[in-house]
Amino acid sequence: MNNDTPLTWSEFTRVEMRVGTVIAARHFPEARNPSYILEIDFGPLGQRKTSAQITDLYQPEGLVGRQVVAVVNFPPKQIANIMSECLVLGGMEGKVITLLAPDTPVENGTRIG
């Protein structure tokens, strides 16, 4: 996907990308595409739930304890029978997603900028 309209600095700074730790992960059979339900601890921002289509490279038990990067200021979105409260970020190669994460552990809730 390519967008020729440049993003302004003020638009970018409105995006709240934060680091959180996955505290629970389970299969999400009600989702249209293969997905997991993740519960993520963002420290002072609290815990948030989301759906993630990351089943190609990850298993639920390997996700617990892993730090991830997510956008936390999108409005909640209904996905099947859960309300998604954040968007986990990853690199996309076709439909295969590789999660973004810090190289070394950081405090939950740390802002990405």
PDB file of N, CA and C in Angstrom:
ATOM      1  N   MET A   1       0.836  -1.158   0.000  1.00  0.00           N
ATOM      2  CA  MET A   1       0.000   0.000   0.000  1.00  0.00           C
ATOM      3  C   MET A   1       0.895   1.240   0.000  1.00  0.00           C
ATOM      4  N   ASN A   2       0.563   2.199  -0.867  1.00  0.00           N
ATOM      5  CA  ASN A   2       1.340   3.418  -0.960  1.00  0.00           C
ATOM      6  C   ASN A   2       0.402   4.607  -0.891  1.00  0.00           C
ATOM      7  N   ASN A   3       0.764   5.596  -0.093  1.00  0.00           N
ATOM      8  CA  ASN A   3      -0.035   6.802   0.019  1.00  0.00           C
ATOM      9  C   ASN A   3       0.880   7.976  -0.279  1.00  0.00           C
ATOM     10  N   ASP A   4       0.541   8.737  -1.331  1.00  0.00           N
ATOM     11  CA  ASP A   4       1.393   9.852  -1.744  1.00  0.00           C
ATOM     12  C   ASP A   4       1.205  11.108  -0.906  1.00  0.00           C
ATOM     13  N   THR A   5       0.196  11.153  -0.051  1.00  0.00           N
ATOM     14  CA  THR A   5      -0.029  12.325   0.785  1.00  0.00           C
ATOM     15  C   THR A   5       0.846  12.226   2.024  1.00  0.00           C
ATOM     16  N   PRO A   6       1.786  13.165   2.195  1.00  0.00           N
ATOM     17  CA  PRO A   6       2.661  13.099   3.367  1.00  0.00           C
ATOM     18  C   PRO A   6       1.876  13.272   4.672  1.00  0.00           C
ATOM     19  N   LEU A   7       2.309  12.592   5.679  1.00  0.00           N
ATOM     20  CA  LEU A   7       1.752  12.704   7.017  1.00  0.00           C
ATOM     21  C   LEU A   7       2.403  13.902   7.697  1.00  0.00           C
ATOM     22  N   THR A   8       1.619  14.725   8.355  1.00  0.00           N
ATOM     23  CA  THR A   8       2.209  15.852   9.068  1.00  0.00           C
ATOM     24  C   THR A   8       2.741  15.369  10.417  1.00  0.00           C
ATOM     25  N   TRP A   9       3.675  16.139  10.979  1.00  0.00           N
ATOM     26  CA  TRP A   9       4.233  15.779  12.283  1.00  0.00           C
ATOM     27  C   TRP A   9       3.146  15.755  13.349  1.00  0.00           C
ATOM     28  N   SER A  10       2.224  16.719  13.310  1.00  0.00           N
ATOM     29  CA  SER A  10       1.164  16.749  14.327  1.00  0.00           C
ATOM     30  C   SER A  10       0.231  15.549  14.184  1.00  0.00           C
ATOM     31  N   GLU A  11       0.003  15.073  12.958  1.00  0.00           N
ATOM     32  CA  GLU A  11      -0.810  13.861  12.772  1.00  0.00           C
ATOM     33  C   GLU A  11      -0.090  12.657  13.389  1.00  0.00           C
ATOM     34  N   PHE A  12       1.198  12.542  13.130  1.00  0.00           N
ATOM     35  CA  PHE A  12       1.970  11.421  13.668  1.00  0.00           C
ATOM     36  C   PHE A  12       1.967  11.429  15.197  1.00  0.00           C
ATOM     37  N   THR A  13       2.137  12.591  15.807  1.00  0.00           N
ATOM     38  CA  THR A  13       2.231  12.643  17.270  1.00  0.00           C
ATOM     39  C   THR A  13       0.906  12.312  17.943  1.00  0.00           C
ATOM     40  N   ARG A  14      -0.197  12.336  17.216  1.00  0.00           N
ATOM     41  CA  ARG A  14      -1.487  11.954  17.786  1.00  0.00           C
ATOM     42  C   ARG A  14      -1.622  10.438  17.923  1.00  0.00           C
ATOM     43  N   VAL A  15      -0.812   9.677  17.189  1.00  0.00           N
ATOM     44  CA  VAL A  15      -0.883   8.219  17.255  1.00  0.00           C
ATOM     45  C   VAL A  15      -0.156   7.753  18.512  1.00  0.00           C
ATOM     46  N   GLU A  16      -0.901   7.117  19.417  1.00  0.00           N
ATOM     47  CA  GLU A  16      -0.335   6.641  20.686  1.00  0.00           C
ATOM     48  C   GLU A  16       0.111   5.187  20.522  1.00  0.00           C
ATOM     49  N   MET A  17       1.381   5.007  20.154  1.00  0.00           N
ATOM     50  CA  MET A  17       1.958   3.663  20.083  1.00  0.00           C
ATOM     51  C   MET A  17       2.652   3.406  21.402  1.00  0.00           C
ATOM     52  N   ARG A  18       2.277   2.311  22.047  1.00  0.00           N
ATOM     53  CA  ARG A  18       2.811   1.987  23.373  1.00  0.00           C
ATOM     54  C   ARG A  18       3.273   0.539  23.433  1.00  0.00           C
ATOM     55  N   VAL A  19       4.201   0.277  24.337  1.00  0.00           N
ATOM     56  CA  VAL A  19       4.680  -1.083  24.582  1.00  0.00           C
ATOM     57  C   VAL A  19       3.840  -1.698  25.696  1.00  0.00           C
ATOM     58  N   GLY A  20       3.451  -2.937  25.486  1.00  0.00           N
ATOM     59  CA  GLY A  20       2.728  -3.682  26.505  1.00  0.00           C
ATOM     60  C   GLY A  20       3.191  -5.122  26.526  1.00  0.00           C
ATOM     61  N   THR A  21       2.848  -5.831  27.599  1.00  0.00           N
ATOM     62  CA  THR A  21       3.199  -7.239  27.735  1.00  0.00           C
ATOM     63  C   THR A  21       1.943  -8.084  27.643  1.00  0.00           C
ATOM     64  N   VAL A  22       1.999  -9.110  26.793  1.00  0.00           N
ATOM     65  CA  VAL A  22       0.868 -10.028  26.646  1.00  0.00           C
ATOM     66  C   VAL A  22       0.729 -10.828  27.937  1.00  0.00           C
ATOM     67  N   ILE A  23      -0.449 -10.760  28.552  1.00  0.00           N
ATOM     68  CA  ILE A  23      -0.679 -11.497  29.800  1.00  0.00           C
ATOM     69  C   ILE A  23      -1.585 -12.706  29.593  1.00  0.00           C
ATOM     70  N   ALA A  24      -2.283 -12.750  28.451  1.00  0.00           N
ATOM     71  CA  ALA A  24      -3.114 -13.908  28.117  1.00  0.00           C
ATOM     72  C   ALA A  24      -3.294 -13.948  26.610  1.00  0.00           C
ATOM     73  N   ALA A  25      -3.345 -15.152  26.069  1.00  0.00           N
ATOM     74  CA  ALA A  25      -3.554 -15.346  24.635  1.00  0.00           C
ATOM     75  C   ALA A  25      -4.324 -16.643  24.441  1.00  0.00           C
ATOM     76  N   ARG A  26      -5.333 -16.575  23.590  1.00  0.00           N
ATOM     77  CA  ARG A  26      -6.121 -17.790  23.319  1.00  0.00           C
ATOM     78  C   ARG A  26      -6.677 -17.737  21.903  1.00  0.00           C
ATOM     79  N   HIS A  27      -7.024 -18.902  21.401  1.00  0.00           N
ATOM     80  CA  HIS A  27      -7.617 -18.990  20.065  1.00  0.00           C
ATOM     81  C   HIS A  27      -8.939 -18.231  20.033  1.00  0.00           C
ATOM     82  N   PHE A  28      -9.293 -17.713  18.864  1.00  0.00           N
ATOM     83  CA  PHE A  28     -10.495 -16.908  18.678  1.00  0.00           C
ATOM     84  C   PHE A  28     -11.323 -17.531  17.551  1.00  0.00           C
ATOM     85  N   PRO A  29     -12.002 -18.650  17.842  1.00  0.00           N
ATOM     86  CA  PRO A  29     -12.719 -19.377  16.788  1.00  0.00           C
ATOM     87  C   PRO A  29     -13.869 -18.588  16.158  1.00  0.00           C
ATOM     88  N   GLU A  30     -14.404 -17.591  16.852  1.00  0.00           N
ATOM     89  CA  GLU A  30     -15.526 -16.811  16.320  1.00  0.00           C
ATOM     90  C   GLU A  30     -15.081 -15.799  15.254  1.00  0.00           C
ATOM     91  N   ALA A  31     -13.794 -15.508  15.161  1.00  0.00           N
ATOM     92  CA  ALA A  31     -13.282 -14.539  14.189  1.00  0.00           C
ATOM     93  C   ALA A  31     -13.411 -15.086  12.768  1.00  0.00           C
ATOM     94  N   ARG A  32     -13.601 -14.174  11.825  1.00  0.00           N
ATOM     95  CA  ARG A  32     -13.733 -14.546  10.414  1.00  0.00           C
ATOM     96  C   ARG A  32     -12.446 -15.169   9.871  1.00  0.00           C
ATOM     97  N   ASN A  33     -11.297 -14.605  10.249  1.00  0.00           N
ATOM     98  CA  ASN A  33      -9.993 -15.125   9.833  1.00  0.00           C
ATOM     99  C   ASN A  33      -9.280 -15.691  11.059  1.00  0.00           C
ATOM    100  N   PRO A  34      -8.383 -16.670  10.872  1.00  0.00           N
ATOM    101  CA  PRO A  34      -7.680 -17.249  12.017  1.00  0.00           C
ATOM    102  C   PRO A  34      -7.018 -16.164  12.867  1.00  0.00           C
ATOM    103  N   SER A  35      -7.348 -16.144  14.154  1.00  0.00           N
ATOM    104  CA  SER A  35      -6.889 -15.075  15.054  1.00  0.00           C
ATOM    105  C   SER A  35      -6.754 -15.593  16.474  1.00  0.00           C
ATOM    106  N   TYR A  36      -6.088 -14.771  17.277  1.00  0.00           N
ATOM    107  CA  TYR A  36      -6.031 -14.982  18.714  1.00  0.00           C
ATOM    108  C   TYR A  36      -6.653 -13.776  19.407  1.00  0.00           C
ATOM    109  N   ILE A  37      -7.159 -13.988  20.609  1.00  0.00           N
ATOM    110  CA  ILE A  37      -7.536 -12.895  21.495  1.00  0.00           C
ATOM    111  C   ILE A  37      -6.346 -12.688  22.427  1.00  0.00           C
ATOM    112  N   LEU A  38      -5.850 -11.455  22.462  1.00  0.00           N
ATOM    113  CA  LEU A  38      -4.733 -11.112  23.340  1.00  0.00           C
ATOM    114  C   LEU A  38      -5.205 -10.153  24.417  1.00  0.00           C
ATOM    115  N   GLU A  39      -4.737 -10.367  25.635  1.00  0.00           N
ATOM    116  CA  GLU A  39      -4.913  -9.400  26.710  1.00  0.00           C
ATOM    117  C   GLU A  39      -3.523  -8.861  27.003  1.00  0.00           C
ATOM    118  N   ILE A  40      -3.410  -7.525  26.971  1.00  0.00           N
ATOM    119  CA  ILE A  40      -2.105  -6.877  27.045  1.00  0.00           C
ATOM    120  C   ILE A  40      -2.089  -5.875  28.198  1.00  0.00           C
ATOM    121  N   ASP A  41      -1.022  -5.915  28.988  1.00  0.00           N
ATOM    122  CA  ASP A  41      -0.837  -4.992  30.101  1.00  0.00           C
ATOM    123  C   ASP A  41      -0.007  -3.804  29.630  1.00  0.00           C
ATOM    124  N   PHE A  42      -0.603  -2.606  29.649  1.00  0.00           N
ATOM    125  CA  PHE A  42       0.084  -1.379  29.259  1.00  0.00           C
ATOM    126  C   PHE A  42       0.453  -0.534  30.481  1.00  0.00           C
ATOM    127  N   GLY A  43       0.704  -1.179  31.609  1.00  0.00           N
ATOM    128  CA  GLY A  43       1.146  -0.473  32.807  1.00  0.00           C
ATOM    129  C   GLY A  43       0.119   0.548  33.260  1.00  0.00           C
ATOM    130  N   PRO A  44       0.510   1.830  33.345  1.00  0.00           N
ATOM    131  CA  PRO A  44      -0.402   2.861  33.856  1.00  0.00           C
ATOM    132  C   PRO A  44      -1.648   3.071  32.984  1.00  0.00           C
ATOM    133  N   LEU A  45      -1.618   2.594  31.747  1.00  0.00           N
ATOM    134  CA  LEU A  45      -2.780   2.714  30.858  1.00  0.00           C
ATOM    135  C   LEU A  45      -3.774   1.574  31.071  1.00  0.00           C
ATOM    136  N   GLY A  46      -3.401   0.588  31.865  1.00  0.00           N
ATOM    137  CA  GLY A  46      -4.283  -0.542  32.147  1.00  0.00           C
ATOM    138  C   GLY A  46      -4.132  -1.678  31.162  1.00  0.00           C
ATOM    139  N   GLN A  47      -5.034  -2.627  31.290  1.00  0.00           N
ATOM    140  CA  GLN A  47      -5.035  -3.803  30.417  1.00  0.00           C
ATOM    141  C   GLN A  47      -6.048  -3.606  29.305  1.00  0.00           C
ATOM    142  N   ARG A  48      -5.687  -4.088  28.114  1.00  0.00           N
ATOM    143  CA  ARG A  48      -6.575  -3.969  26.956  1.00  0.00           C
ATOM    144  C   ARG A  48      -6.629  -5.300  26.237  1.00  0.00           C
ATOM    145  N   LYS A  49      -7.759  -5.508  25.574  1.00  0.00           N
ATOM    146  CA  LYS A  49      -7.999  -6.741  24.830  1.00  0.00           C
ATOM    147  C   LYS A  49      -8.020  -6.421  23.340  1.00  0.00           C
ATOM    148  N   THR A  50      -7.552  -7.354  22.523  1.00  0.00           N
ATOM    149  CA  THR A  50      -7.587  -7.185  21.077  1.00  0.00           C
ATOM    150  C   THR A  50      -7.606  -8.534  20.384  1.00  0.00           C
ATOM    151  N   SER A  51      -7.912  -8.487  19.105  1.00  0.00           N
ATOM    152  CA  SER A  51      -7.831  -9.655  18.243  1.00  0.00           C
ATOM    153  C   SER A  51      -6.627  -9.455  17.334  1.00  0.00           C
ATOM    154  N   ALA A  52      -5.862 -10.510  17.092  1.00  0.00           N
ATOM    155  CA  ALA A  52      -4.677 -10.400  16.243  1.00  0.00           C
ATOM    156  C   ALA A  52      -4.598 -11.596  15.302  1.00  0.00           C
ATOM    157  N   GLN A  53      -4.449 -11.313  14.013  1.00  0.00           N
ATOM    158  CA  GLN A  53      -4.317 -12.366  12.998  1.00  0.00           C
ATOM    159  C   GLN A  53      -2.836 -12.728  12.845  1.00  0.00           C
ATOM    160  N   ILE A  54      -2.305 -13.387  13.847  1.00  0.00           N
ATOM    161  CA  ILE A  54      -0.869 -13.701  13.901  1.00  0.00           C
ATOM    162  C   ILE A  54      -0.625 -15.202  14.044  1.00  0.00           C
ATOM    163  N   THR A  55      -1.579 -16.002  13.575  1.00  0.00           N
ATOM    164  CA  THR A  55      -1.518 -17.453  13.793  1.00  0.00           C
ATOM    165  C   THR A  55      -0.472 -18.156  12.935  1.00  0.00           C
ATOM    166  N   ASP A  56       0.040 -17.509  11.891  1.00  0.00           N
ATOM    167  CA  ASP A  56       1.033 -18.164  11.028  1.00  0.00           C
ATOM    168  C   ASP A  56       2.367 -18.388  11.744  1.00  0.00           C
ATOM    169  N   LEU A  57       2.783 -17.431  12.561  1.00  0.00           N
ATOM    170  CA  LEU A  57       4.112 -17.500  13.169  1.00  0.00           C
ATOM    171  C   LEU A  57       4.110 -17.722  14.676  1.00  0.00           C
ATOM    172  N   TYR A  58       2.945 -17.620  15.317  1.00  0.00           N
ATOM    173  CA  TYR A  58       2.906 -17.636  16.782  1.00  0.00           C
ATOM    174  C   TYR A  58       1.862 -18.609  17.301  1.00  0.00           C
ATOM    175  N   GLN A  59       2.150 -19.148  18.496  1.00  0.00           N
ATOM    176  CA  GLN A  59       1.201 -19.973  19.239  1.00  0.00           C
ATOM    177  C   GLN A  59       0.851 -19.214  20.515  1.00  0.00           C
ATOM    178  N   PRO A  60      -0.371 -19.385  21.030  1.00  0.00           N
ATOM    179  CA  PRO A  60      -0.779 -18.618  22.214  1.00  0.00           C
ATOM    180  C   PRO A  60       0.192 -18.722  23.390  1.00  0.00           C
ATOM    181  N   GLU A  61       0.673 -19.921  23.681  1.00  0.00           N
ATOM    182  CA  GLU A  61       1.546 -20.091  24.845  1.00  0.00           C
ATOM    183  C   GLU A  61       2.886 -19.360  24.678  1.00  0.00           C
ATOM    184  N   GLY A  62       3.332 -19.157  23.450  1.00  0.00           N
ATOM    185  CA  GLY A  62       4.574 -18.429  23.199  1.00  0.00           C
ATOM    186  C   GLY A  62       4.413 -16.915  23.245  1.00  0.00           C
ATOM    187  N   LEU A  63       3.183 -16.445  23.261  1.00  0.00           N
ATOM    188  CA  LEU A  63       2.932 -15.003  23.286  1.00  0.00           C
ATOM    189  C   LEU A  63       2.885 -14.427  24.703  1.00  0.00           C
ATOM    190  N   VAL A  64       2.490 -15.251  25.671  1.00  0.00           N
ATOM    191  CA  VAL A  64       2.370 -14.776  27.049  1.00  0.00           C
ATOM    192  C   VAL A  64       3.755 -14.392  27.572  1.00  0.00           C
ATOM    193  N   GLY A  65       3.847 -13.173  28.093  1.00  0.00           N
ATOM    194  CA  GLY A  65       5.112 -12.649  28.594  1.00  0.00           C
ATOM    195  C   GLY A  65       5.888 -11.860  27.559  1.00  0.00           C
ATOM    196  N   ARG A  66       5.461 -11.880  26.326  1.00  0.00           N
ATOM    197  CA  ARG A  66       6.149 -11.182  25.241  1.00  0.00           C
ATOM    198  C   ARG A  66       5.700  -9.729  25.182  1.00  0.00           C
ATOM    199  N   GLN A  67       6.657  -8.821  24.995  1.00  0.00           N
ATOM    200  CA  GLN A  67       6.292  -7.416  24.800  1.00  0.00           C
ATOM    201  C   GLN A  67       5.957  -7.168  23.333  1.00  0.00           C
ATOM    202  N   VAL A  68       4.948  -6.318  23.117  1.00  0.00           N
ATOM    203  CA  VAL A  68       4.489  -5.962  21.776  1.00  0.00           C
ATOM    204  C   VAL A  68       4.291  -4.453  21.721  1.00  0.00           C
ATOM    205  N   VAL A  69       4.156  -3.938  20.509  1.00  0.00           N
ATOM    206  CA  VAL A  69       3.845  -2.525  20.287  1.00  0.00           C
ATOM    207  C   VAL A  69       2.431  -2.454  19.737  1.00  0.00           C
ATOM    208  N   ALA A  70       1.631  -1.525  20.268  1.00  0.00           N
ATOM    209  CA  ALA A  70       0.248  -1.389  19.817  1.00  0.00           C
ATOM    210  C   ALA A  70      -0.173   0.074  19.818  1.00  0.00           C
ATOM    211  N   VAL A  71      -1.128   0.383  18.941  1.00  0.00           N
ATOM    212  CA  VAL A  71      -1.775   1.696  18.961  1.00  0.00           C
ATOM    213  C   VAL A  71      -2.906   1.597  19.972  1.00  0.00           C
ATOM    214  N   VAL A  72      -2.924   2.514  20.935  1.00  0.00           N
ATOM    215  CA  VAL A  72      -3.900   2.421  22.021  1.00  0.00           C
ATOM    216  C   VAL A  72      -4.970   3.507  21.989  1.00  0.00           C
ATOM    217  N   ASN A  73      -4.924   4.407  21.000  1.00  0.00           N
ATOM    218  CA  ASN A  73      -5.918   5.483  20.992  1.00  0.00           C
ATOM    219  C   ASN A  73      -6.885   5.440  19.810  1.00  0.00           C
ATOM    220  N   PHE A  74      -7.060   4.273  19.199  1.00  0.00           N
ATOM    221  CA  PHE A  74      -8.168   4.090  18.263  1.00  0.00           C
ATOM    222  C   PHE A  74      -9.431   3.871  19.083  1.00  0.00           C
ATOM    223  N   PRO A  75     -10.596   4.207  18.536  1.00  0.00           N
ATOM    224  CA  PRO A  75     -11.830   3.889  19.267  1.00  0.00           C
ATOM    225  C   PRO A  75     -12.014   2.371  19.328  1.00  0.00           C
ATOM    226  N   PRO A  76     -12.656   1.859  20.365  1.00  0.00           N
ATOM    227  CA  PRO A  76     -12.924   0.414  20.435  1.00  0.00           C
ATOM    228  C   PRO A  76     -13.683  -0.049  19.202  1.00  0.00           C
ATOM    229  N   LYS A  77     -13.401  -1.287  18.780  1.00  0.00           N
ATOM    230  CA  LYS A  77     -14.019  -1.836  17.570  1.00  0.00           C
ATOM    231  C   LYS A  77     -14.530  -3.243  17.865  1.00  0.00           C
ATOM    232  N   GLN A  78     -15.780  -3.490  17.530  1.00  0.00           N
ATOM    233  CA  GLN A  78     -16.364  -4.826  17.724  1.00  0.00           C
ATOM    234  C   GLN A  78     -15.791  -5.781  16.684  1.00  0.00           C
ATOM    235  N   ILE A  79     -15.207  -6.872  17.140  1.00  0.00           N
ATOM    236  CA  ILE A  79     -14.715  -7.938  16.266  1.00  0.00           C
ATOM    237  C   ILE A  79     -15.332  -9.225  16.772  1.00  0.00           C
ATOM    238  N   ALA A  80     -16.245  -9.766  15.970  1.00  0.00           N
ATOM    239  CA  ALA A  80     -17.028 -10.939  16.390  1.00  0.00           C
ATOM    240  C   ALA A  80     -17.630 -10.642  17.764  1.00  0.00           C
ATOM    241  N   ASN A  81     -17.301 -11.442  18.774  1.00  0.00           N
ATOM    242  CA  ASN A  81     -17.934 -11.260  20.085  1.00  0.00           C
ATOM    243  C   ASN A  81     -17.053 -10.554  21.117  1.00  0.00           C
ATOM    244  N   ILE A  82     -15.972  -9.878  20.677  1.00  0.00           N
ATOM    245  CA  ILE A  82     -15.162  -9.098  21.617  1.00  0.00           C
ATOM    246  C   ILE A  82     -15.063  -7.644  21.144  1.00  0.00           C
ATOM    247  N   MET A  83     -14.758  -6.767  22.071  1.00  0.00           N
ATOM    248  CA  MET A  83     -14.503  -5.369  21.756  1.00  0.00           C
ATOM    249  C   MET A  83     -12.986  -5.181  21.759  1.00  0.00           C
ATOM    250  N   SER A  84     -12.419  -4.909  20.577  1.00  0.00           N
ATOM    251  CA  SER A  84     -10.982  -4.690  20.463  1.00  0.00           C
ATOM    252  C   SER A  84     -10.653  -3.286  20.960  1.00  0.00           C
ATOM    253  N   GLU A  85      -9.669  -3.191  21.864  1.00  0.00           N
ATOM    254  CA  GLU A  85      -9.340  -1.925  22.511  1.00  0.00           C
ATOM    255  C   GLU A  85      -7.978  -1.372  22.126  1.00  0.00           C
ATOM    256  N   CYS A  86      -7.271  -2.049  21.214  1.00  0.00           N
ATOM    257  CA  CYS A  86      -5.984  -1.565  20.724  1.00  0.00           C
ATOM    258  C   CYS A  86      -5.663  -2.309  19.430  1.00  0.00           C
ATOM    259  N   LEU A  87      -4.615  -1.860  18.732  1.00  0.00           N
ATOM    260  CA  LEU A  87      -4.192  -2.496  17.489  1.00  0.00           C
ATOM    261  C   LEU A  87      -2.725  -2.877  17.607  1.00  0.00           C
ATOM    262  N   VAL A  88      -2.448  -4.175  17.680  1.00  0.00           N
ATOM    263  CA  VAL A  88      -1.077  -4.672  17.762  1.00  0.00           C
ATOM    264  C   VAL A  88      -0.424  -4.476  16.395  1.00  0.00           C
ATOM    265  N   LEU A  89       0.826  -4.005  16.402  1.00  0.00           N
ATOM    266  CA  LEU A  89       1.523  -3.699  15.159  1.00  0.00           C
ATOM    267  C   LEU A  89       2.502  -4.800  14.770  1.00  0.00           C
ATOM    268  N   GLY A  90       2.651  -4.976  13.457  1.00  0.00           N
ATOM    269  CA  GLY A  90       3.581  -5.958  12.943  1.00  0.00           C
ATOM    270  C   GLY A  90       3.934  -5.674  11.508  1.00  0.00           C
ATOM    271  N   GLY A  91       5.020  -6.280  11.070  1.00  0.00           N
ATOM    272  CA  GLY A  91       5.415  -6.210   9.665  1.00  0.00           C
ATOM    273  C   GLY A  91       4.612  -7.221   8.870  1.00  0.00           C
ATOM    274  N   MET A  92       4.098  -6.795   7.708  1.00  0.00           N
ATOM    275  CA  MET A  92       3.248  -7.664   6.893  1.00  0.00           C
ATOM    276  C   MET A  92       3.976  -8.082   5.625  1.00  0.00           C
ATOM    277  N   GLU A  93       4.102  -9.386   5.450  1.00  0.00           N
ATOM    278  CA  GLU A  93       4.611  -9.955   4.204  1.00  0.00           C
ATOM    279  C   GLU A  93       3.482 -10.809   3.653  1.00  0.00           C
ATOM    280  N   GLY A  94       2.714 -10.230   2.714  1.00  0.00           N
ATOM    281  CA  GLY A  94       1.486 -10.881   2.285  1.00  0.00           C
ATOM    282  C   GLY A  94       0.515 -10.868   3.445  1.00  0.00           C
ATOM    283  N   LYS A  95       0.065 -12.050   3.876  1.00  0.00           N
ATOM    284  CA  LYS A  95      -0.837 -12.135   5.023  1.00  0.00           C
ATOM    285  C   LYS A  95      -0.126 -12.585   6.290  1.00  0.00           C
ATOM    286  N   VAL A  96       1.187 -12.801   6.210  1.00  0.00           N
ATOM    287  CA  VAL A  96       1.965 -13.238   7.367  1.00  0.00           C
ATOM    288  C   VAL A  96       2.459 -12.002   8.123  1.00  0.00           C
ATOM    289  N   ILE A  97       2.162 -11.966   9.430  1.00  0.00           N
ATOM    290  CA  ILE A  97       2.501 -10.806  10.251  1.00  0.00           C
ATOM    291  C   ILE A  97       3.557 -11.186  11.284  1.00  0.00           C
ATOM    292  N   THR A  98       4.635 -10.385  11.329  1.00  0.00           N
ATOM    293  CA  THR A  98       5.680 -10.527  12.337  1.00  0.00           C
ATOM    294  C   THR A  98       5.532  -9.373  13.316  1.00  0.00           C
ATOM    295  N   LEU A  99       5.337  -9.684  14.583  1.00  0.00           N
ATOM    296  CA  LEU A  99       5.100  -8.668  15.601  1.00  0.00           C
ATOM    297  C   LEU A  99       6.276  -7.716  15.776  1.00  0.00           C
ATOM    298  N   LEU A 100       5.963  -6.440  16.036  1.00  0.00           N
ATOM    299  CA  LEU A 100       6.980  -5.454  16.398  1.00  0.00           C
ATOM    300  C   LEU A 100       7.164  -5.498  17.912  1.00  0.00           C
ATOM    301  N   ALA A 101       8.409  -5.368  18.347  1.00  0.00           N
ATOM    302  CA  ALA A 101       8.705  -5.420  19.780  1.00  0.00           C
ATOM    303  C   ALA A 101      10.016  -4.696  20.047  1.00  0.00           C
ATOM    304  N   PRO A 102      10.199  -4.176  21.269  1.00  0.00           N
ATOM    305  CA  PRO A 102      11.491  -3.561  21.604  1.00  0.00           C
ATOM    306  C   PRO A 102      12.583  -4.630  21.676  1.00  0.00           C
ATOM    307  N   ASP A 103      13.832  -4.208  21.397  1.00  0.00           N
ATOM    308  CA  ASP A 103      14.974  -5.132  21.462  1.00  0.00           C
ATOM    309  C   ASP A 103      15.273  -5.586  22.880  1.00  0.00           C
ATOM    310  N   THR A 104      15.052  -4.697  23.837  1.00  0.00           N
ATOM    311  CA  THR A 104      15.265  -5.024  25.236  1.00  0.00           C
ATOM    312  C   THR A 104      14.004  -4.653  26.011  1.00  0.00           C
ATOM    313  N   PRO A 105      13.744  -5.306  27.143  1.00  0.00           N
ATOM    314  CA  PRO A 105      12.535  -5.003  27.898  1.00  0.00           C
ATOM    315  C   PRO A 105      12.468  -3.533  28.318  1.00  0.00           C
ATOM    316  N   VAL A 106      11.267  -2.974  28.246  1.00  0.00           N
ATOM    317  CA  VAL A 106      11.003  -1.608  28.700  1.00  0.00           C
ATOM    318  C   VAL A 106       9.757  -1.638  29.575  1.00  0.00           C
ATOM    319  N   GLU A 107       9.501  -0.546  30.276  1.00  0.00           N
ATOM    320  CA  GLU A 107       8.313  -0.458  31.121  1.00  0.00           C
ATOM    321  C   GLU A 107       7.053  -0.554  30.269  1.00  0.00           C
ATOM    322  N   ASN A 108       6.067  -1.306  30.748  1.00  0.00           N
ATOM    323  CA  ASN A 108       4.777  -1.344  30.068  1.00  0.00           C
ATOM    324  C   ASN A 108       4.205   0.061  30.030  1.00  0.00           C
ATOM    325  N   GLY A 109       3.687   0.448  28.876  1.00  0.00           N
ATOM    326  CA  GLY A 109       3.137   1.777  28.689  1.00  0.00           C
ATOM    327  C   GLY A 109       4.112   2.753  28.052  1.00  0.00           C
ATOM    328  N   THR A 110       5.374   2.340  27.866  1.00  0.00           N
ATOM    329  CA  THR A 110       6.362   3.215  27.249  1.00  0.00           C
ATOM    330  C   THR A 110       5.867   3.652  25.875  1.00  0.00           C
ATOM    331  N   ARG A 111       5.947   4.949  25.599  1.00  0.00           N
ATOM    332  CA  ARG A 111       5.499   5.489  24.315  1.00  0.00           C
ATOM    333  C   ARG A 111       6.555   5.274  23.229  1.00  0.00           C
ATOM    334  N   ILE A 112       6.081   4.924  22.056  1.00  0.00           N
ATOM    335  CA  ILE A 112       6.944   4.808  20.871  1.00  0.00           C
ATOM    336  C   ILE A 112       6.882   6.137  20.146  1.00  0.00           C
ATOM    337  N   GLY A 113       7.995   6.650  19.703  1.00  0.00           N
ATOM    338  CA  GLY A 113       7.982   7.939  19.010  1.00  0.00           C
ATOM    339  C   GLY A 113       9.174   8.106  18.135  1.00  0.00           C
TER     340      GLY A 113
END
